[in-house]
């Protein structure tokens, strides 16, 4: 059991170091040697956990999204109105990503240009996973006659598409603007989106 815990800790340390090095050097300039040095382990130990630099960086992005999904699920379980849940989930979706990469000087698209096909495939799966979490809340609201009875997954996907422009994919967080401005815009958009699906 202790070995498994240590293995998990080393893996997390590698992903933490990846975050630091992506901010410092970007993907192209970051090396496995840099990672090993940052973590304080041998280069061979990196390969016990990951097969390549590409896999490490994509796993780092996966981890951000996994953590976001945990935060979204926490909101789902809160004892608040369904409208408020959706508004908070929309805000969390945008701000969690913003906060996770605000120390990067490039957008994720620029940073991961060399990994574009694999990154885009993963983005699609992230989008689907998030849409399903939103759709479950919308379906509950439809059963309770709070939200209009339309395709819940399509509504969820529309919510995500509407907020994608506020995510640090094409633009860096600096290019997107100040954090408080992004938060204001997201809250405004969340209010409009949720208002648009309320049962009349």
N, C-alpha and C. Protein backbone atom coordinates (compact mmCIF):
# COMPACT_ATOMS: atom_id res chain seq x y z
N UNK A 1 0.83 -1.20 0.00
CA UNK A 1 0.00 0.00 0.00
C UNK A 1 0.87 1.26 0.00
N UNK A 2 1.93 1.24 0.81
CA UNK A 2 2.80 2.41 0.90
C UNK A 2 3.45 2.71 -0.45
N UNK A 3 3.82 1.66 -1.19
CA UNK A 3 4.44 1.85 -2.52
C UNK A 3 3.46 2.56 -3.45
N UNK A 4 2.19 2.14 -3.39
CA UNK A 4 1.17 2.77 -4.24
C UNK A 4 1.02 4.25 -3.90
N UNK A 5 1.04 4.56 -2.60
CA UNK A 5 0.93 5.96 -2.17
C UNK A 5 2.13 6.75 -2.67
N UNK A 6 3.33 6.19 -2.52
CA UNK A 6 4.54 6.88 -2.98
C UNK A 6 4.49 7.09 -4.49
N UNK A 7 4.03 6.07 -5.21
CA UNK A 7 3.92 6.17 -6.67
C UNK A 7 2.99 7.31 -7.06
N UNK A 8 1.85 7.39 -6.36
CA UNK A 8 0.88 8.46 -6.63
C UNK A 8 1.50 9.82 -6.32
N UNK A 9 2.25 9.90 -5.22
CA UNK A 9 2.88 11.17 -4.84
C UNK A 9 3.92 11.61 -5.87
N UNK A 10 4.69 10.66 -6.39
CA UNK A 10 5.71 10.99 -7.40
C UNK A 10 5.01 11.46 -8.68
N UNK A 11 3.96 10.75 -9.06
CA UNK A 11 3.20 11.13 -10.27
C UNK A 11 2.66 12.56 -10.13
N UNK A 12 2.07 12.86 -8.95
CA UNK A 12 1.54 14.21 -8.70
C UNK A 12 2.66 15.25 -8.72
N UNK A 13 3.80 14.89 -8.14
CA UNK A 13 4.95 15.82 -8.13
C UNK A 13 5.42 16.11 -9.55
N UNK A 14 5.40 15.09 -10.41
CA UNK A 14 5.80 15.28 -11.81
C UNK A 14 4.82 16.23 -12.50
N UNK A 15 3.54 16.05 -12.24
CA UNK A 15 2.52 16.92 -12.86
C UNK A 15 2.60 18.34 -12.32
N UNK A 16 2.92 18.47 -11.02
CA UNK A 16 3.11 19.82 -10.45
C UNK A 16 4.30 20.51 -11.11
N UNK A 17 5.38 19.75 -11.29
CA UNK A 17 6.59 20.30 -11.93
C UNK A 17 6.29 20.68 -13.38
N UNK A 18 5.47 19.89 -14.04
CA UNK A 18 5.08 20.17 -15.43
C UNK A 18 4.38 21.52 -15.51
N UNK A 19 3.49 21.77 -14.55
CA UNK A 19 2.77 23.04 -14.49
C UNK A 19 3.77 24.20 -14.38
N UNK A 20 4.73 24.07 -13.48
CA UNK A 20 5.75 25.12 -13.30
C UNK A 20 6.57 25.34 -14.56
N UNK A 21 6.99 24.25 -15.19
CA UNK A 21 7.88 24.36 -16.35
C UNK A 21 7.15 24.85 -17.60
N UNK A 22 5.88 24.49 -17.73
CA UNK A 22 5.09 25.01 -18.86
C UNK A 22 4.99 26.53 -18.75
N UNK A 23 4.81 27.01 -17.53
CA UNK A 23 4.73 28.46 -17.32
C UNK A 23 6.08 29.12 -17.60
N UNK A 24 7.16 28.43 -17.22
CA UNK A 24 8.51 29.02 -17.35
C UNK A 24 9.05 28.93 -18.78
N UNK A 25 8.93 27.74 -19.39
CA UNK A 25 9.58 27.51 -20.70
C UNK A 25 8.63 27.30 -21.87
N UNK A 26 7.40 26.83 -21.58
CA UNK A 26 6.52 26.39 -22.66
C UNK A 26 6.81 24.93 -22.98
N UNK A 27 5.96 24.34 -23.80
CA UNK A 27 6.07 22.90 -24.09
C UNK A 27 7.35 22.54 -24.84
N UNK A 28 7.64 23.29 -25.90
CA UNK A 28 8.77 22.93 -26.77
C UNK A 28 10.11 22.93 -26.03
N UNK A 29 10.33 23.95 -25.18
CA UNK A 29 11.62 24.08 -24.51
C UNK A 29 11.74 23.20 -23.26
N UNK A 30 10.62 22.78 -22.73
CA UNK A 30 10.64 21.94 -21.52
C UNK A 30 11.20 20.55 -21.88
N UNK A 31 12.08 20.03 -21.05
CA UNK A 31 12.67 18.71 -21.31
C UNK A 31 12.40 17.76 -20.14
N UNK A 32 12.58 16.48 -20.40
CA UNK A 32 12.45 15.47 -19.34
C UNK A 32 13.52 15.70 -18.27
N UNK A 33 14.70 16.13 -18.71
CA UNK A 33 15.77 16.46 -17.75
C UNK A 33 15.33 17.58 -16.80
N UNK A 34 14.68 18.61 -17.38
CA UNK A 34 14.18 19.72 -16.57
C UNK A 34 13.19 19.20 -15.52
N UNK A 35 12.31 18.32 -15.98
CA UNK A 35 11.29 17.76 -15.08
C UNK A 35 11.93 16.98 -13.94
N UNK A 36 12.88 16.11 -14.30
CA UNK A 36 13.56 15.29 -13.29
C UNK A 36 14.24 16.18 -12.25
N UNK A 37 14.88 17.23 -12.74
CA UNK A 37 15.58 18.15 -11.84
C UNK A 37 14.59 18.89 -10.94
N UNK A 38 13.50 19.34 -11.53
CA UNK A 38 12.48 20.08 -10.78
C UNK A 38 11.87 19.22 -9.66
N UNK A 39 11.64 17.93 -9.97
CA UNK A 39 11.04 17.01 -8.98
C UNK A 39 12.09 16.50 -7.99
N UNK A 40 13.36 16.45 -8.46
CA UNK A 40 14.42 15.91 -7.61
C UNK A 40 14.51 14.40 -7.68
N UNK A 41 14.23 13.85 -8.88
CA UNK A 41 14.33 12.40 -9.09
C UNK A 41 15.15 12.16 -10.35
N UNK A 42 15.52 10.90 -10.58
CA UNK A 42 16.27 10.56 -11.79
C UNK A 42 15.35 10.57 -13.01
N UNK A 43 15.96 10.81 -14.16
CA UNK A 43 15.21 10.85 -15.42
C UNK A 43 14.44 9.55 -15.66
N UNK A 44 15.08 8.44 -15.31
CA UNK A 44 14.43 7.13 -15.50
C UNK A 44 13.15 6.99 -14.70
N UNK A 45 13.11 7.65 -13.54
CA UNK A 45 11.90 7.58 -12.70
C UNK A 45 10.71 8.23 -13.38
N UNK A 46 10.97 9.25 -14.18
CA UNK A 46 9.87 9.91 -14.93
C UNK A 46 9.22 8.87 -15.84
N UNK A 47 10.07 8.08 -16.51
CA UNK A 47 9.55 7.10 -17.48
C UNK A 47 8.85 5.92 -16.81
N UNK A 48 8.99 5.76 -15.50
CA UNK A 48 8.23 4.73 -14.80
C UNK A 48 6.76 5.13 -14.71
N UNK A 49 6.51 6.44 -14.81
CA UNK A 49 5.14 6.96 -14.67
C UNK A 49 4.52 7.40 -15.99
N UNK A 50 5.35 7.87 -16.91
CA UNK A 50 4.84 8.40 -18.19
C UNK A 50 5.75 7.93 -19.31
N UNK A 51 5.17 7.71 -20.47
CA UNK A 51 5.97 7.20 -21.60
C UNK A 51 6.67 8.31 -22.38
N UNK A 52 6.17 9.55 -22.26
CA UNK A 52 6.75 10.63 -23.07
C UNK A 52 6.39 11.99 -22.47
N UNK A 53 7.08 13.01 -22.95
CA UNK A 53 6.78 14.39 -22.55
C UNK A 53 5.34 14.74 -22.93
N UNK A 54 4.93 14.28 -24.11
CA UNK A 54 3.57 14.52 -24.60
C UNK A 54 2.53 13.97 -23.62
N UNK A 55 2.75 12.74 -23.17
CA UNK A 55 1.80 12.12 -22.25
C UNK A 55 1.76 12.87 -20.92
N UNK A 56 2.90 13.35 -20.47
CA UNK A 56 2.97 14.10 -19.20
C UNK A 56 2.12 15.36 -19.30
N UNK A 57 2.32 16.11 -20.37
CA UNK A 57 1.61 17.39 -20.51
C UNK A 57 0.10 17.17 -20.67
N UNK A 58 -0.28 16.18 -21.46
CA UNK A 58 -1.71 15.89 -21.63
C UNK A 58 -2.31 15.40 -20.31
N UNK A 59 -1.56 14.65 -19.53
CA UNK A 59 -2.03 14.19 -18.21
C UNK A 59 -2.20 15.38 -17.26
N UNK A 60 -1.33 16.36 -17.41
CA UNK A 60 -1.45 17.58 -16.60
C UNK A 60 -2.76 18.30 -16.92
N UNK A 61 -3.10 18.41 -18.21
CA UNK A 61 -4.36 19.06 -18.61
C UNK A 61 -5.54 18.21 -18.13
N UNK A 62 -5.42 16.88 -18.26
CA UNK A 62 -6.48 15.98 -17.75
C UNK A 62 -6.74 16.25 -16.27
N UNK A 63 -5.66 16.44 -15.52
CA UNK A 63 -5.79 16.63 -14.07
C UNK A 63 -6.56 17.92 -13.76
N UNK A 64 -6.31 18.96 -14.53
CA UNK A 64 -7.05 20.22 -14.32
C UNK A 64 -8.54 19.96 -14.50
N UNK A 65 -8.89 19.24 -15.57
CA UNK A 65 -10.30 18.99 -15.86
C UNK A 65 -10.92 18.05 -14.82
N UNK A 66 -10.17 17.05 -14.37
CA UNK A 66 -10.68 16.15 -13.33
C UNK A 66 -10.99 16.93 -12.06
N UNK A 67 -10.10 17.85 -11.71
CA UNK A 67 -10.32 18.68 -10.52
C UNK A 67 -11.53 19.59 -10.71
N UNK A 68 -11.70 20.11 -11.91
CA UNK A 68 -12.87 20.94 -12.21
C UNK A 68 -14.15 20.12 -12.04
N UNK A 69 -14.16 18.90 -12.56
CA UNK A 69 -15.36 18.05 -12.47
C UNK A 69 -15.72 17.78 -11.01
N UNK A 70 -14.72 17.61 -10.16
CA UNK A 70 -14.97 17.41 -8.72
C UNK A 70 -15.66 18.64 -8.15
N UNK A 71 -15.17 19.84 -8.54
CA UNK A 71 -15.78 21.09 -8.06
C UNK A 71 -17.22 21.25 -8.57
N UNK A 72 -17.45 20.87 -9.82
CA UNK A 72 -18.81 20.94 -10.38
C UNK A 72 -19.74 20.01 -9.62
N UNK A 73 -19.27 18.80 -9.32
CA UNK A 73 -20.09 17.83 -8.59
C UNK A 73 -20.40 18.31 -7.17
N UNK A 74 -19.46 19.04 -6.58
CA UNK A 74 -19.71 19.61 -5.24
C UNK A 74 -20.88 20.59 -5.29
N UNK A 75 -20.90 21.39 -6.37
CA UNK A 75 -22.00 22.35 -6.53
C UNK A 75 -23.32 21.62 -6.74
N UNK A 76 -23.28 20.54 -7.53
CA UNK A 76 -24.49 19.74 -7.79
C UNK A 76 -25.09 19.25 -6.48
N UNK A 77 -24.24 18.88 -5.52
CA UNK A 77 -24.72 18.32 -4.24
C UNK A 77 -25.16 19.38 -3.24
N UNK A 78 -24.92 20.66 -3.53
CA UNK A 78 -25.30 21.73 -2.58
C UNK A 78 -26.82 21.85 -2.47
N UNK A 79 -27.24 22.27 -1.30
CA UNK A 79 -28.68 22.45 -1.05
C UNK A 79 -29.08 23.88 -1.43
N UNK A 80 -29.07 24.15 -2.74
CA UNK A 80 -29.45 25.47 -3.27
C UNK A 80 -30.38 25.25 -4.46
N UNK A 81 -31.01 26.31 -4.93
CA UNK A 81 -31.95 26.16 -6.05
C UNK A 81 -31.22 25.66 -7.30
N UNK A 82 -31.97 25.03 -8.18
CA UNK A 82 -31.38 24.49 -9.41
C UNK A 82 -30.84 25.61 -10.30
N UNK A 83 -31.54 26.76 -10.31
CA UNK A 83 -31.03 27.90 -11.10
C UNK A 83 -29.68 28.36 -10.56
N UNK A 84 -29.59 28.44 -9.24
CA UNK A 84 -28.34 28.88 -8.61
C UNK A 84 -27.22 27.87 -8.86
N UNK A 85 -27.57 26.58 -8.84
CA UNK A 85 -26.56 25.55 -9.14
C UNK A 85 -25.97 25.77 -10.52
N UNK A 86 -26.83 25.96 -11.51
CA UNK A 86 -26.35 26.14 -12.88
C UNK A 86 -25.49 27.39 -13.01
N UNK A 87 -25.92 28.47 -12.37
CA UNK A 87 -25.14 29.72 -12.44
C UNK A 87 -23.76 29.52 -11.83
N UNK A 88 -23.72 28.87 -10.67
CA UNK A 88 -22.43 28.64 -10.01
C UNK A 88 -21.54 27.68 -10.80
N UNK A 89 -22.18 26.69 -11.44
CA UNK A 89 -21.42 25.73 -12.25
C UNK A 89 -20.79 26.42 -13.46
N UNK A 90 -21.55 27.31 -14.09
CA UNK A 90 -21.02 28.07 -15.23
C UNK A 90 -19.83 28.91 -14.78
N UNK A 91 -20.00 29.59 -13.66
CA UNK A 91 -18.92 30.42 -13.12
C UNK A 91 -17.70 29.57 -12.77
N UNK A 92 -17.93 28.43 -12.14
CA UNK A 92 -16.82 27.53 -11.77
C UNK A 92 -16.09 27.05 -13.02
N UNK A 93 -16.84 26.68 -14.05
CA UNK A 93 -16.24 26.17 -15.30
C UNK A 93 -15.23 27.16 -15.87
N UNK A 94 -15.60 28.42 -15.87
CA UNK A 94 -14.73 29.45 -16.46
C UNK A 94 -13.59 29.82 -15.51
N UNK A 95 -13.93 30.14 -14.27
CA UNK A 95 -12.93 30.67 -13.35
C UNK A 95 -11.92 29.62 -12.90
N UNK A 96 -12.33 28.37 -12.78
CA UNK A 96 -11.39 27.31 -12.38
C UNK A 96 -10.30 27.16 -13.44
N UNK A 97 -10.72 27.16 -14.71
CA UNK A 97 -9.72 27.06 -15.78
C UNK A 97 -8.82 28.30 -15.82
N UNK A 98 -9.43 29.44 -15.67
CA UNK A 98 -8.66 30.70 -15.67
C UNK A 98 -7.60 30.65 -14.57
N UNK A 99 -8.03 30.29 -13.36
CA UNK A 99 -7.11 30.27 -12.22
C UNK A 99 -6.03 29.20 -12.39
N UNK A 100 -6.37 28.10 -13.03
CA UNK A 100 -5.42 26.99 -13.19
C UNK A 100 -4.26 27.32 -14.13
N UNK A 101 -4.49 28.23 -15.06
CA UNK A 101 -3.43 28.53 -16.05
C UNK A 101 -3.06 30.01 -16.11
N UNK A 102 -3.47 30.78 -15.10
CA UNK A 102 -3.23 32.23 -15.19
C UNK A 102 -1.75 32.60 -15.13
N UNK A 103 -0.90 31.68 -14.68
CA UNK A 103 0.53 31.96 -14.63
C UNK A 103 1.23 31.63 -15.96
N UNK A 104 0.47 31.12 -16.95
CA UNK A 104 1.05 30.84 -18.27
C UNK A 104 1.08 32.12 -19.09
N UNK A 105 2.14 32.30 -19.86
CA UNK A 105 2.24 33.51 -20.68
C UNK A 105 1.59 33.31 -22.05
N UNK A 106 1.30 32.04 -22.40
CA UNK A 106 0.68 31.74 -23.71
C UNK A 106 -0.70 31.12 -23.49
N UNK A 107 -1.53 31.16 -24.53
CA UNK A 107 -2.81 30.45 -24.48
C UNK A 107 -2.51 28.95 -24.55
N UNK A 108 -3.48 28.13 -24.15
CA UNK A 108 -3.28 26.67 -24.23
C UNK A 108 -3.08 26.24 -25.68
N UNK A 109 -3.80 26.86 -26.60
CA UNK A 109 -3.64 26.50 -28.02
C UNK A 109 -2.21 26.75 -28.49
N UNK A 110 -1.63 27.90 -28.11
CA UNK A 110 -0.25 28.21 -28.50
C UNK A 110 0.74 27.31 -27.77
N UNK A 111 0.50 27.15 -26.48
CA UNK A 111 1.39 26.35 -25.64
C UNK A 111 1.47 24.90 -26.13
N UNK A 112 0.31 24.38 -26.56
CA UNK A 112 0.24 22.97 -26.94
C UNK A 112 0.09 22.77 -28.44
N UNK A 113 0.57 23.73 -29.23
CA UNK A 113 0.44 23.65 -30.69
C UNK A 113 1.02 22.35 -31.24
N UNK A 114 2.12 21.89 -30.66
CA UNK A 114 2.77 20.66 -31.14
C UNK A 114 1.91 19.42 -30.85
N UNK A 115 0.96 19.56 -29.92
CA UNK A 115 0.11 18.42 -29.54
C UNK A 115 -1.32 18.60 -30.04
N UNK A 116 -1.51 19.54 -30.96
CA UNK A 116 -2.86 19.97 -31.33
C UNK A 116 -3.86 18.84 -31.58
N UNK A 117 -3.58 17.86 -32.45
CA UNK A 117 -4.60 16.82 -32.72
C UNK A 117 -5.02 16.06 -31.45
N UNK A 118 -4.03 15.69 -30.64
CA UNK A 118 -4.36 14.94 -29.41
C UNK A 118 -5.05 15.83 -28.39
N UNK A 119 -4.63 17.08 -28.31
CA UNK A 119 -5.24 18.02 -27.37
C UNK A 119 -6.70 18.28 -27.76
N UNK A 120 -6.97 18.45 -29.06
CA UNK A 120 -8.34 18.70 -29.52
C UNK A 120 -9.25 17.51 -29.25
N UNK A 121 -8.70 16.30 -29.43
CA UNK A 121 -9.49 15.09 -29.15
C UNK A 121 -9.85 15.03 -27.67
N UNK A 122 -8.89 15.38 -26.84
CA UNK A 122 -9.15 15.39 -25.39
C UNK A 122 -10.15 16.49 -25.03
N UNK A 123 -10.00 17.65 -25.65
CA UNK A 123 -10.93 18.75 -25.38
C UNK A 123 -12.37 18.33 -25.65
N UNK A 124 -12.54 17.56 -26.71
CA UNK A 124 -13.88 17.08 -27.07
C UNK A 124 -14.43 16.18 -25.96
N UNK A 125 -13.58 15.31 -25.42
CA UNK A 125 -14.05 14.42 -24.36
C UNK A 125 -14.32 15.21 -23.07
N UNK A 126 -13.49 16.23 -22.77
CA UNK A 126 -13.75 17.07 -21.60
C UNK A 126 -15.13 17.72 -21.73
N UNK A 127 -15.36 18.26 -22.91
CA UNK A 127 -16.61 18.97 -23.21
C UNK A 127 -17.81 18.03 -22.95
N UNK A 128 -17.71 16.78 -23.45
CA UNK A 128 -18.80 15.82 -23.28
C UNK A 128 -19.02 15.48 -21.80
N UNK A 129 -17.93 15.30 -21.07
CA UNK A 129 -18.04 14.96 -19.64
C UNK A 129 -18.69 16.11 -18.87
N UNK A 130 -18.27 17.33 -19.15
CA UNK A 130 -18.86 18.49 -18.48
C UNK A 130 -20.33 18.65 -18.86
N UNK A 131 -20.63 18.47 -20.14
CA UNK A 131 -22.02 18.60 -20.61
C UNK A 131 -22.93 17.63 -19.87
N UNK A 132 -22.46 16.42 -19.62
CA UNK A 132 -23.28 15.43 -18.91
C UNK A 132 -23.58 15.86 -17.47
N UNK A 133 -22.61 16.52 -16.82
CA UNK A 133 -22.84 17.00 -15.45
C UNK A 133 -23.91 18.09 -15.46
N UNK A 134 -23.80 19.01 -16.40
CA UNK A 134 -24.79 20.09 -16.53
C UNK A 134 -26.16 19.52 -16.89
N UNK A 135 -26.18 18.55 -17.82
CA UNK A 135 -27.45 17.99 -18.29
C UNK A 135 -28.22 17.33 -17.16
N UNK A 136 -27.51 16.70 -16.22
CA UNK A 136 -28.19 16.03 -15.09
C UNK A 136 -28.95 17.05 -14.24
N UNK A 137 -28.36 18.22 -14.03
CA UNK A 137 -29.04 19.28 -13.24
C UNK A 137 -30.24 19.82 -14.03
N UNK A 138 -30.05 20.00 -15.33
CA UNK A 138 -31.13 20.52 -16.19
C UNK A 138 -32.30 19.52 -16.21
N UNK A 139 -31.99 18.23 -16.32
CA UNK A 139 -33.04 17.20 -16.32
C UNK A 139 -33.83 17.22 -15.00
N UNK A 140 -33.10 17.38 -13.91
CA UNK A 140 -33.77 17.45 -12.61
C UNK A 140 -34.71 18.65 -12.59
N UNK A 141 -34.25 19.78 -13.12
CA UNK A 141 -35.08 20.99 -13.18
C UNK A 141 -36.29 20.82 -14.08
N UNK A 142 -36.14 20.03 -15.12
CA UNK A 142 -37.28 19.76 -16.01
C UNK A 142 -38.33 18.91 -15.31
N UNK A 143 -37.86 17.92 -14.54
CA UNK A 143 -38.80 17.07 -13.78
C UNK A 143 -39.57 17.90 -12.77
N UNK A 144 -38.88 18.88 -12.18
CA UNK A 144 -39.52 19.72 -11.16
C UNK A 144 -40.23 20.93 -11.78
N UNK A 145 -40.30 20.97 -13.09
CA UNK A 145 -40.97 22.05 -13.84
C UNK A 145 -40.34 23.44 -13.59
N UNK A 146 -39.04 23.43 -13.33
CA UNK A 146 -38.31 24.69 -13.14
C UNK A 146 -37.78 25.15 -14.51
N UNK A 147 -37.30 24.18 -15.32
CA UNK A 147 -36.74 24.49 -16.63
C UNK A 147 -37.64 23.95 -17.74
N UNK A 148 -37.56 24.62 -18.88
CA UNK A 148 -38.33 24.20 -20.06
C UNK A 148 -37.96 22.78 -20.48
N UNK A 149 -38.95 22.08 -21.00
CA UNK A 149 -38.75 20.68 -21.35
C UNK A 149 -38.21 20.53 -22.77
N UNK A 150 -36.90 20.75 -22.93
CA UNK A 150 -36.23 20.55 -24.21
C UNK A 150 -35.09 19.56 -23.97
N UNK A 151 -34.36 19.22 -25.00
CA UNK A 151 -33.26 18.25 -24.86
C UNK A 151 -32.21 18.80 -23.89
N UNK A 152 -32.10 18.14 -22.72
CA UNK A 152 -31.22 18.64 -21.65
C UNK A 152 -29.75 18.66 -22.07
N UNK A 153 -29.33 17.64 -22.79
CA UNK A 153 -27.92 17.59 -23.21
C UNK A 153 -27.62 18.70 -24.21
N UNK A 154 -28.55 18.97 -25.12
CA UNK A 154 -28.35 20.05 -26.08
C UNK A 154 -28.28 21.41 -25.38
N UNK A 155 -29.12 21.60 -24.36
CA UNK A 155 -29.07 22.85 -23.58
C UNK A 155 -27.71 22.96 -22.90
N UNK A 156 -27.28 21.86 -22.28
CA UNK A 156 -25.98 21.85 -21.59
C UNK A 156 -24.85 22.19 -22.55
N UNK A 157 -24.88 21.59 -23.72
CA UNK A 157 -23.84 21.86 -24.73
C UNK A 157 -23.86 23.33 -25.15
N UNK A 158 -25.05 23.89 -25.26
CA UNK A 158 -25.18 25.31 -25.62
C UNK A 158 -24.56 26.19 -24.53
N UNK A 159 -24.81 25.84 -23.27
CA UNK A 159 -24.21 26.58 -22.15
C UNK A 159 -22.68 26.57 -22.27
N UNK A 160 -22.13 25.41 -22.56
CA UNK A 160 -20.67 25.28 -22.65
C UNK A 160 -20.13 26.06 -23.85
N UNK A 161 -20.80 25.94 -24.98
CA UNK A 161 -20.36 26.68 -26.16
C UNK A 161 -20.39 28.19 -25.91
N UNK A 162 -21.43 28.64 -25.21
CA UNK A 162 -21.58 30.07 -24.93
C UNK A 162 -20.46 30.60 -24.03
N UNK A 163 -19.92 29.73 -23.18
CA UNK A 163 -18.87 30.18 -22.26
C UNK A 163 -17.46 29.87 -22.76
N UNK A 164 -17.34 29.11 -23.84
CA UNK A 164 -16.01 28.75 -24.36
C UNK A 164 -15.15 29.97 -24.71
N UNK A 165 -15.80 31.05 -25.13
CA UNK A 165 -15.03 32.25 -25.52
C UNK A 165 -14.33 32.89 -24.32
N UNK A 166 -14.77 32.54 -23.11
CA UNK A 166 -14.15 33.10 -21.91
C UNK A 166 -13.05 32.20 -21.34
N UNK A 167 -12.83 31.04 -21.98
CA UNK A 167 -11.81 30.11 -21.49
C UNK A 167 -10.45 30.42 -22.12
N UNK A 168 -9.38 30.14 -21.40
CA UNK A 168 -8.03 30.47 -21.91
C UNK A 168 -7.50 29.45 -22.91
N UNK A 169 -8.26 29.19 -23.96
CA UNK A 169 -7.80 28.28 -25.02
C UNK A 169 -7.08 29.06 -26.12
N UNK A 170 -7.82 29.94 -26.79
CA UNK A 170 -7.25 30.69 -27.91
C UNK A 170 -6.47 31.91 -27.43
N UNK A 171 -6.88 32.46 -26.30
CA UNK A 171 -6.21 33.63 -25.73
C UNK A 171 -5.58 33.26 -24.40
N UNK A 172 -4.48 33.90 -24.06
CA UNK A 172 -3.89 33.70 -22.74
C UNK A 172 -4.76 34.42 -21.71
N UNK A 173 -4.54 34.13 -20.43
CA UNK A 173 -5.34 34.80 -19.41
C UNK A 173 -5.08 36.31 -19.43
N UNK A 174 -3.87 36.72 -19.77
CA UNK A 174 -3.57 38.16 -19.87
C UNK A 174 -4.37 38.79 -21.00
N UNK A 175 -4.45 38.07 -22.13
CA UNK A 175 -5.20 38.58 -23.28
C UNK A 175 -6.71 38.60 -23.00
N UNK A 176 -7.18 37.66 -22.19
CA UNK A 176 -8.60 37.61 -21.85
C UNK A 176 -9.01 38.81 -20.99
N UNK A 177 -8.09 39.27 -20.15
CA UNK A 177 -8.37 40.43 -19.31
C UNK A 177 -8.21 40.13 -17.83
N UNK A 178 -8.56 41.12 -17.02
CA UNK A 178 -8.45 40.99 -15.57
C UNK A 178 -9.42 39.94 -15.05
N UNK A 179 -9.01 39.26 -13.99
CA UNK A 179 -9.83 38.19 -13.42
C UNK A 179 -11.22 38.68 -13.04
N UNK A 180 -11.29 39.84 -12.37
CA UNK A 180 -12.61 40.34 -11.93
C UNK A 180 -13.51 40.68 -13.11
N UNK A 181 -12.92 41.09 -14.24
CA UNK A 181 -13.70 41.37 -15.45
C UNK A 181 -14.27 40.07 -16.03
N UNK A 182 -13.44 39.04 -16.07
CA UNK A 182 -13.89 37.73 -16.58
C UNK A 182 -15.02 37.20 -15.68
N UNK A 183 -14.84 37.38 -14.38
CA UNK A 183 -15.87 36.91 -13.44
C UNK A 183 -17.19 37.64 -13.67
N UNK A 184 -17.12 38.96 -13.85
CA UNK A 184 -18.34 39.75 -14.11
C UNK A 184 -19.03 39.30 -15.39
N UNK A 185 -18.24 39.15 -16.46
CA UNK A 185 -18.81 38.72 -17.75
C UNK A 185 -19.45 37.34 -17.62
N UNK A 186 -18.79 36.45 -16.90
CA UNK A 186 -19.31 35.09 -16.75
C UNK A 186 -20.61 35.10 -15.97
N UNK A 187 -20.68 35.89 -14.91
CA UNK A 187 -21.92 35.96 -14.12
C UNK A 187 -23.07 36.51 -14.95
N UNK A 188 -22.76 37.54 -15.77
CA UNK A 188 -23.79 38.11 -16.65
C UNK A 188 -24.30 37.06 -17.62
N UNK A 189 -23.36 36.36 -18.21
CA UNK A 189 -23.72 35.32 -19.19
C UNK A 189 -24.50 34.19 -18.52
N UNK A 190 -24.08 33.79 -17.33
CA UNK A 190 -24.76 32.72 -16.60
C UNK A 190 -26.21 33.11 -16.32
N UNK A 191 -26.43 34.36 -15.90
CA UNK A 191 -27.80 34.83 -15.64
C UNK A 191 -28.66 34.76 -16.90
N UNK A 192 -28.10 35.21 -18.02
CA UNK A 192 -28.84 35.18 -19.29
C UNK A 192 -29.17 33.76 -19.72
N UNK A 193 -28.18 32.88 -19.62
CA UNK A 193 -28.38 31.48 -20.06
C UNK A 193 -29.43 30.78 -19.22
N UNK A 194 -29.35 30.94 -17.91
CA UNK A 194 -30.30 30.26 -17.03
C UNK A 194 -31.69 30.87 -17.18
N UNK A 195 -31.75 32.18 -17.30
CA UNK A 195 -33.05 32.87 -17.53
C UNK A 195 -33.73 32.32 -18.78
N UNK A 196 -32.91 32.02 -19.79
CA UNK A 196 -33.45 31.55 -21.07
C UNK A 196 -34.07 30.17 -21.05
N UNK A 197 -33.82 29.38 -20.00
CA UNK A 197 -34.40 28.03 -19.98
C UNK A 197 -35.47 27.85 -18.89
N UNK A 198 -35.76 28.95 -18.15
CA UNK A 198 -36.76 28.84 -17.09
C UNK A 198 -38.13 28.52 -17.66
N UNK A 199 -38.85 27.68 -16.94
CA UNK A 199 -40.21 27.29 -17.33
C UNK A 199 -41.11 28.51 -17.18
N UNK A 200 -41.88 28.82 -18.22
CA UNK A 200 -42.73 30.03 -18.14
C UNK A 200 -44.03 29.72 -17.39
